[in-house]
Amino acid sequence: MRVFGVDPGLTRCGFGVVDGGPGRTVRPVAVDVVRTPADADLAVRLLQLSDAVERWLDAYRPDVVAVERVFSQHNVRTAMGTAQAGGVVALSAARRDLPVVFHTPSEVKAAVTGSGRADKAQVTAMVTKLLGLKVAPKPADAADALALAICHLWRAPMKTRMEEAQARAAELARAHRAKLAQAVAKTGRNAQ
């Protein structure tokens, strides 16, 4: 599976593509940071970001897009820009019928480092090690994009198995309730 991980932002938006193999095998494909000028009009910045996303989707043909969910930021302006950038990415993927999955920062940190409270340096160090990179991806937005892709590759199979197990449990519960209803109905007829 090929995952396009995106650490959304208007000034710096991290892009990373990672291929997943058997087990927890991961292989880096591409990484970069797309920048838009802070003094440009918002619509122009979003268009520039959209154009970059389209180029990456064309070039790398991912199976899924993993985007960092805006969880909580004290700076409302930054949170809005981050959310808008994430929306542009999701829209571009949706136009191609690509699944888009959002992961919280703590999910990504936990998947890559084992701790949902890891700092950026720890995430970067683990991404570098897991992907066998000779040089750590910089800036942190690049490492975060790769971490998002890794997170999705490792969490998606478990999430799928959990959903399948829940569906199976619900089906078994429905079948059991139907049998109970039949037994109660039969018992009621026999008592008359």
C-alpha atoms as a PDB file:
ATOM      1  CA  MET A   1       0.000   0.000   0.000  1.00  0.00           C
ATOM      2  CA  ARG A   2       1.245   3.472  -0.838  1.00  0.00           C
ATOM      3  CA  VAL A   3       0.318   6.290   1.543  1.00  0.00           C
ATOM      4  CA  PHE A   4       0.592  10.026   0.926  1.00  0.00           C
ATOM      5  CA  GLY A   5       1.052  11.612   4.359  1.00  0.00           C
ATOM      6  CA  VAL A   6       0.348  15.322   4.733  1.00  0.00           C
ATOM      7  CA  ASP A   7       1.205  17.583   7.646  1.00  0.00           C
ATOM      8  CA  PRO A   8      -1.075  20.483   6.655  1.00  0.00           C
ATOM      9  CA  GLY A   9      -0.121  24.111   6.908  1.00  0.00           C
ATOM     10  CA  LEU A  10      -0.264  27.258   4.825  1.00  0.00           C
ATOM     11  CA  THR A  11       3.277  28.518   5.316  1.00  0.00           C
ATOM     12  CA  ARG A  12       4.810  25.029   5.321  1.00  0.00           C
ATOM     13  CA  CYS A  13       2.931  21.880   4.321  1.00  0.00           C
ATOM     14  CA  GLY A  14       4.790  18.605   4.736  1.00  0.00           C
ATOM     15  CA  PHE A  15       4.372  15.926   2.055  1.00  0.00           C
ATOM     16  CA  GLY A  16       5.629  12.374   2.420  1.00  0.00           C
ATOM     17  CA  VAL A  17       4.986   9.194   0.464  1.00  0.00           C
ATOM     18  CA  VAL A  18       5.744   5.815   2.026  1.00  0.00           C
ATOM     19  CA  ASP A  19       5.207   2.295   0.716  1.00  0.00           C
ATOM     20  CA  GLY A  20       4.176  -0.408   3.154  1.00  0.00           C
ATOM     21  CA  GLY A  21       5.114  -4.042   2.753  1.00  0.00           C
ATOM     22  CA  PRO A  22       4.570  -7.256   4.673  1.00  0.00           C
ATOM     23  CA  GLY A  23       4.382  -6.851   8.427  1.00  0.00           C
ATOM     24  CA  ARG A  24       5.658  -3.456   9.469  1.00  0.00           C
ATOM     25  CA  THR A  25       7.987  -2.956   6.512  1.00  0.00           C
ATOM     26  CA  VAL A  26       8.066   0.655   5.330  1.00  0.00           C
ATOM     27  CA  ARG A  27      10.014   2.238   2.487  1.00  0.00           C
ATOM     28  CA  PRO A  28      10.401   5.945   1.780  1.00  0.00           C
ATOM     29  CA  VAL A  29       9.355   7.121  -1.678  1.00  0.00           C
ATOM     30  CA  ALA A  30       9.391  10.931  -1.505  1.00  0.00           C
ATOM     31  CA  VAL A  31       9.381  13.794   0.962  1.00  0.00           C
ATOM     32  CA  ASP A  32       9.236  17.562   0.665  1.00  0.00           C
ATOM     33  CA  VAL A  33       7.760  20.692   2.148  1.00  0.00           C
ATOM     34  CA  VAL A  34       5.551  22.962   0.072  1.00  0.00           C
ATOM     35  CA  ARG A  35       5.772  26.608   1.047  1.00  0.00           C
ATOM     36  CA  THR A  36       3.443  29.488   0.276  1.00  0.00           C
ATOM     37  CA  PRO A  37       4.291  33.143   0.897  1.00  0.00           C
ATOM     38  CA  ALA A  38       2.732  34.467   4.088  1.00  0.00           C
ATOM     39  CA  ASP A  39       2.039  37.828   2.471  1.00  0.00           C
ATOM     40  CA  ALA A  40       0.049  36.341  -0.433  1.00  0.00           C
ATOM     41  CA  ASP A  41      -3.749  36.348  -0.542  1.00  0.00           C
ATOM     42  CA  LEU A  42      -5.308  33.335   1.201  1.00  0.00           C
ATOM     43  CA  ALA A  43      -7.058  32.131  -1.961  1.00  0.00           C
ATOM     44  CA  VAL A  44      -3.779  32.248  -3.891  1.00  0.00           C
ATOM     45  CA  ARG A  45      -1.994  30.307  -1.157  1.00  0.00           C
ATOM     46  CA  LEU A  46      -4.701  27.634  -1.132  1.00  0.00           C
ATOM     47  CA  LEU A  47      -4.537  27.394  -4.925  1.00  0.00           C
ATOM     48  CA  GLN A  48      -0.749  26.974  -4.810  1.00  0.00           C
ATOM     49  CA  LEU A  49      -1.151  24.226  -2.213  1.00  0.00           C
ATOM     50  CA  SER A  50      -3.876  22.550  -4.283  1.00  0.00           C
ATOM     51  CA  ASP A  51      -1.657  22.605  -7.379  1.00  0.00           C
ATOM     52  CA  ALA A  52       1.187  20.997  -5.412  1.00  0.00           C
ATOM     53  CA  VAL A  53      -1.119  18.291  -4.029  1.00  0.00           C
ATOM     54  CA  GLU A  54      -2.382  17.528  -7.550  1.00  0.00           C
ATOM     55  CA  ARG A  55       1.201  17.199  -8.824  1.00  0.00           C
ATOM     56  CA  TRP A  56       2.062  14.767  -6.016  1.00  0.00           C
ATOM     57  CA  LEU A  57      -1.090  12.716  -6.545  1.00  0.00           C
ATOM     58  CA  ASP A  58      -0.229  12.473 -10.260  1.00  0.00           C
ATOM     59  CA  ALA A  59       3.421  11.657  -9.665  1.00  0.00           C
ATOM     60  CA  TYR A  60       3.122   9.120  -6.826  1.00  0.00           C
ATOM     61  CA  ARG A  61      -0.372   7.619  -7.250  1.00  0.00           C
ATOM     62  CA  PRO A  62      -1.061   6.796  -3.586  1.00  0.00           C
ATOM     63  CA  ASP A  63      -3.718   4.310  -2.463  1.00  0.00           C
ATOM     64  CA  VAL A  64      -4.761   6.487   0.472  1.00  0.00           C
ATOM     65  CA  VAL A  65      -4.092   9.962   1.850  1.00  0.00           C
ATOM     66  CA  ALA A  66      -3.349  10.402   5.564  1.00  0.00           C
ATOM     67  CA  VAL A  67      -3.740  13.925   6.934  1.00  0.00           C
ATOM     68  CA  GLU A  68      -3.000  15.245  10.391  1.00  0.00           C
ATOM     69  CA  ARG A  69      -6.207  16.248  12.136  1.00  0.00           C
ATOM     70  CA  VAL A  70      -6.271  19.727  13.586  1.00  0.00           C
ATOM     71  CA  PHE A  71      -6.655  18.768  17.206  1.00  0.00           C
ATOM     72  CA  SER A  72      -6.065  21.811  19.355  1.00  0.00           C
ATOM     73  CA  GLN A  73      -4.108  24.949  18.879  1.00  0.00           C
ATOM     74  CA  HIS A  74      -4.130  28.078  20.969  1.00  0.00           C
ATOM     75  CA  ASN A  75      -3.581  30.315  17.953  1.00  0.00           C
ATOM     76  CA  VAL A  76      -6.943  30.421  16.156  1.00  0.00           C
ATOM     77  CA  ARG A  77      -5.442  31.924  13.002  1.00  0.00           C
ATOM     78  CA  THR A  78      -2.890  29.128  12.734  1.00  0.00           C
ATOM     79  CA  ALA A  79      -5.573  26.502  13.418  1.00  0.00           C
ATOM     80  CA  MET A  80      -7.793  27.954  10.700  1.00  0.00           C
ATOM     81  CA  GLY A  81      -4.965  27.953   8.144  1.00  0.00           C
ATOM     82  CA  THR A  82      -4.042  24.392   9.069  1.00  0.00           C
ATOM     83  CA  ALA A  83      -7.655  23.258   8.745  1.00  0.00           C
ATOM     84  CA  GLN A  84      -8.042  25.030   5.397  1.00  0.00           C
ATOM     85  CA  ALA A  85      -4.870  23.390   4.084  1.00  0.00           C
ATOM     86  CA  GLY A  86      -6.095  19.988   5.259  1.00  0.00           C
ATOM     87  CA  GLY A  87      -9.409  20.617   3.517  1.00  0.00           C
ATOM     88  CA  VAL A  88      -7.654  21.397   0.238  1.00  0.00           C
ATOM     89  CA  VAL A  89      -5.755  18.111   0.485  1.00  0.00           C
ATOM     90  CA  ALA A  90      -8.914  16.132   1.319  1.00  0.00           C
ATOM     91  CA  LEU A  91     -10.803  17.741  -1.575  1.00  0.00           C
ATOM     92  CA  SER A  92      -8.043  16.933  -4.066  1.00  0.00           C
ATOM     93  CA  ALA A  93      -8.010  13.298  -2.919  1.00  0.00           C
ATOM     94  CA  ALA A  94     -11.808  13.034  -2.943  1.00  0.00           C
ATOM     95  CA  ARG A  95     -11.896  14.223  -6.552  1.00  0.00           C
ATOM     96  CA  ARG A  96      -9.863  11.114  -7.396  1.00  0.00           C
ATOM     97  CA  ASP A  97     -11.953   8.797  -5.205  1.00  0.00           C
ATOM     98  CA  LEU A  98      -8.988   8.284  -2.899  1.00  0.00           C
ATOM     99  CA  PRO A  99      -9.761   7.482   0.722  1.00  0.00           C
ATOM    100  CA  VAL A 100      -8.705  10.218   3.155  1.00  0.00           C
ATOM    101  CA  VAL A 101      -7.958   9.327   6.755  1.00  0.00           C
ATOM    102  CA  PHE A 102      -7.296  11.829   9.526  1.00  0.00           C
ATOM    103  CA  HIS A 103      -4.973  10.990  12.420  1.00  0.00           C
ATOM    104  CA  THR A 104      -4.444  13.059  15.547  1.00  0.00           C
ATOM    105  CA  PRO A 105      -0.919  14.156  16.464  1.00  0.00           C
ATOM    106  CA  SER A 106      -0.946  11.857  19.501  1.00  0.00           C
ATOM    107  CA  GLU A 107      -1.947   8.846  17.348  1.00  0.00           C
ATOM    108  CA  VAL A 108       0.943   9.558  15.002  1.00  0.00           C
ATOM    109  CA  LYS A 109       3.442  10.017  17.825  1.00  0.00           C
ATOM    110  CA  ALA A 110       2.286   6.822  19.555  1.00  0.00           C
ATOM    111  CA  ALA A 111       2.475   4.795  16.341  1.00  0.00           C
ATOM    112  CA  VAL A 112       5.971   5.958  15.462  1.00  0.00           C
ATOM    113  CA  THR A 113       7.644   6.395  18.861  1.00  0.00           C
ATOM    114  CA  GLY A 114       5.504   4.388  21.268  1.00  0.00           C
ATOM    115  CA  SER A 115       4.483   7.535  23.164  1.00  0.00           C
ATOM    116  CA  GLY A 116       1.666   9.900  22.289  1.00  0.00           C
ATOM    117  CA  ARG A 117       3.560  12.649  24.083  1.00  0.00           C
ATOM    118  CA  ALA A 118       6.812  12.413  22.102  1.00  0.00           C
ATOM    119  CA  ASP A 119       8.394  15.652  20.966  1.00  0.00           C
ATOM    120  CA  LYS A 120       9.276  16.594  17.388  1.00  0.00           C
ATOM    121  CA  ALA A 121      12.913  15.511  17.803  1.00  0.00           C
ATOM    122  CA  GLN A 122      11.846  12.029  18.927  1.00  0.00           C
ATOM    123  CA  VAL A 123       9.421  11.697  15.999  1.00  0.00           C
ATOM    124  CA  THR A 124      12.090  12.805  13.537  1.00  0.00           C
ATOM    125  CA  ALA A 125      14.650  10.400  15.025  1.00  0.00           C
ATOM    126  CA  MET A 126      12.273   7.437  14.794  1.00  0.00           C
ATOM    127  CA  VAL A 127      11.133   8.292  11.256  1.00  0.00           C
ATOM    128  CA  THR A 128      14.782   8.489  10.209  1.00  0.00           C
ATOM    129  CA  LYS A 129      15.506   5.113  11.799  1.00  0.00           C
ATOM    130  CA  LEU A 130      12.341   3.327  10.629  1.00  0.00           C
ATOM    131  CA  LEU A 131      12.809   4.435   7.033  1.00  0.00           C
ATOM    132  CA  GLY A 132      16.570   3.819   7.047  1.00  0.00           C
ATOM    133  CA  LEU A 133      17.320   7.391   6.005  1.00  0.00           C
ATOM    134  CA  LYS A 134      20.916   8.590   6.095  1.00  0.00           C
ATOM    135  CA  VAL A 135      19.820  12.148   6.898  1.00  0.00           C
ATOM    136  CA  ALA A 136      16.880  13.236   9.040  1.00  0.00           C
ATOM    137  CA  PRO A 137      14.091  14.892   7.047  1.00  0.00           C
ATOM    138  CA  LYS A 138      13.949  18.635   7.647  1.00  0.00           C
ATOM    139  CA  PRO A 139      12.085  20.711   8.586  1.00  0.00           C
ATOM    140  CA  ALA A 140       9.909  18.887  11.109  1.00  0.00           C
ATOM    141  CA  ASP A 141       6.903  19.190   8.770  1.00  0.00           C
ATOM    142  CA  ALA A 142       8.628  16.771   6.368  1.00  0.00           C
ATOM    143  CA  ALA A 143       9.293  14.229   9.124  1.00  0.00           C
ATOM    144  CA  ASP A 144       5.718  14.623  10.372  1.00  0.00           C
ATOM    145  CA  ALA A 145       4.332  13.877   6.894  1.00  0.00           C
ATOM    146  CA  LEU A 146       6.375  10.666   6.734  1.00  0.00           C
ATOM    147  CA  ALA A 147       5.261   9.808  10.288  1.00  0.00           C
ATOM    148  CA  LEU A 148       1.619  10.220   9.227  1.00  0.00           C
ATOM    149  CA  ALA A 149       2.129   7.788   6.354  1.00  0.00           C
ATOM    150  CA  ILE A 150       3.840   5.254   8.645  1.00  0.00           C
ATOM    151  CA  CYS A 151       1.103   5.668  11.247  1.00  0.00           C
ATOM    152  CA  HIS A 152      -1.564   4.900   8.707  1.00  0.00           C
ATOM    153  CA  LEU A 153       0.288   1.894   7.315  1.00  0.00           C
ATOM    154  CA  TRP A 154       0.566   0.420  10.795  1.00  0.00           C
ATOM    155  CA  ARG A 155      -2.846   1.372  12.169  1.00  0.00           C
ATOM    156  CA  ALA A 156      -5.057   0.670   9.139  1.00  0.00           C
ATOM    157  CA  PRO A 157      -4.805  -3.151   9.245  1.00  0.00           C
ATOM    158  CA  MET A 158      -5.697  -3.223  12.935  1.00  0.00           C
ATOM    159  CA  LYS A 159      -8.567  -0.787  12.435  1.00  0.00           C
ATOM    160  CA  THR A 160      -9.897  -2.926   9.575  1.00  0.00           C
ATOM    161  CA  ARG A 161      -9.692  -6.089  11.701  1.00  0.00           C
ATOM    162  CA  MET A 162     -11.484  -4.316  14.567  1.00  0.00           C
ATOM    163  CA  GLU A 163     -14.278  -3.128  12.251  1.00  0.00           C
ATOM    164  CA  GLU A 164     -14.656  -6.631  10.825  1.00  0.00           C
ATOM    165  CA  ALA A 165     -14.770  -8.130  14.330  1.00  0.00           C
ATOM    166  CA  GLN A 166     -17.379  -5.593  15.441  1.00  0.00           C
ATOM    167  CA  ALA A 167     -19.511  -6.319  12.374  1.00  0.00           C
ATOM    168  CA  ARG A 168     -19.238 -10.068  13.007  1.00  0.00           C
ATOM    169  CA  ALA A 169     -20.138  -9.599  16.690  1.00  0.00           C
ATOM    170  CA  ALA A 170     -23.168  -7.515  15.727  1.00  0.00           C
ATOM    171  CA  GLU A 171     -24.285 -10.199  13.262  1.00  0.00           C
ATOM    172  CA  LEU A 172     -23.892 -12.928  15.893  1.00  0.00           C
ATOM    173  CA  ALA A 173     -25.875 -10.819  18.380  1.00  0.00           C
ATOM    174  CA  ARG A 174     -28.698 -10.340  15.819  1.00  0.00           C
ATOM    175  CA  ALA A 175     -28.794 -14.070  15.110  1.00  0.00           C
ATOM    176  CA  HIS A 176     -28.844 -14.853  18.829  1.00  0.00           C
ATOM    177  CA  ARG A 177     -31.700 -12.386  19.482  1.00  0.00           C
ATOM    178  CA  ALA A 178     -33.673 -13.926  16.596  1.00  0.00           C
ATOM    179  CA  LYS A 179     -33.225 -17.417  18.049  1.00  0.00           C
ATOM    180  CA  LEU A 180     -34.283 -16.179  21.474  1.00  0.00           C
ATOM    181  CA  ALA A 181     -37.368 -14.537  20.004  1.00  0.00           C
ATOM    182  CA  GLN A 182     -38.258 -17.785  18.220  1.00  0.00           C
ATOM    183  CA  ALA A 183     -37.771 -19.780  21.422  1.00  0.00           C
ATOM    184  CA  VAL A 184     -39.949 -17.368  23.418  1.00  0.00           C
ATOM    185  CA  ALA A 185     -42.628 -17.471  20.733  1.00  0.00           C
ATOM    186  CA  LYS A 186     -42.519 -21.269  20.649  1.00  0.00           C
ATOM    187  CA  THR A 187     -42.691 -21.479  24.437  1.00  0.00           C
ATOM    188  CA  GLY A 188     -45.703 -19.129  24.413  1.00  0.00           C
ATOM    189  CA  ARG A 189     -47.546 -21.305  21.881  1.00  0.00           C
ATOM    190  CA  ASN A 190     -46.795 -24.477  23.852  1.00  0.00           C
ATOM    191  CA  ALA A 191     -48.152 -22.921  27.066  1.00  0.00           C
ATOM    192  CA  GLN A 192     -51.563 -22.240  25.468  1.00  0.00           C
END
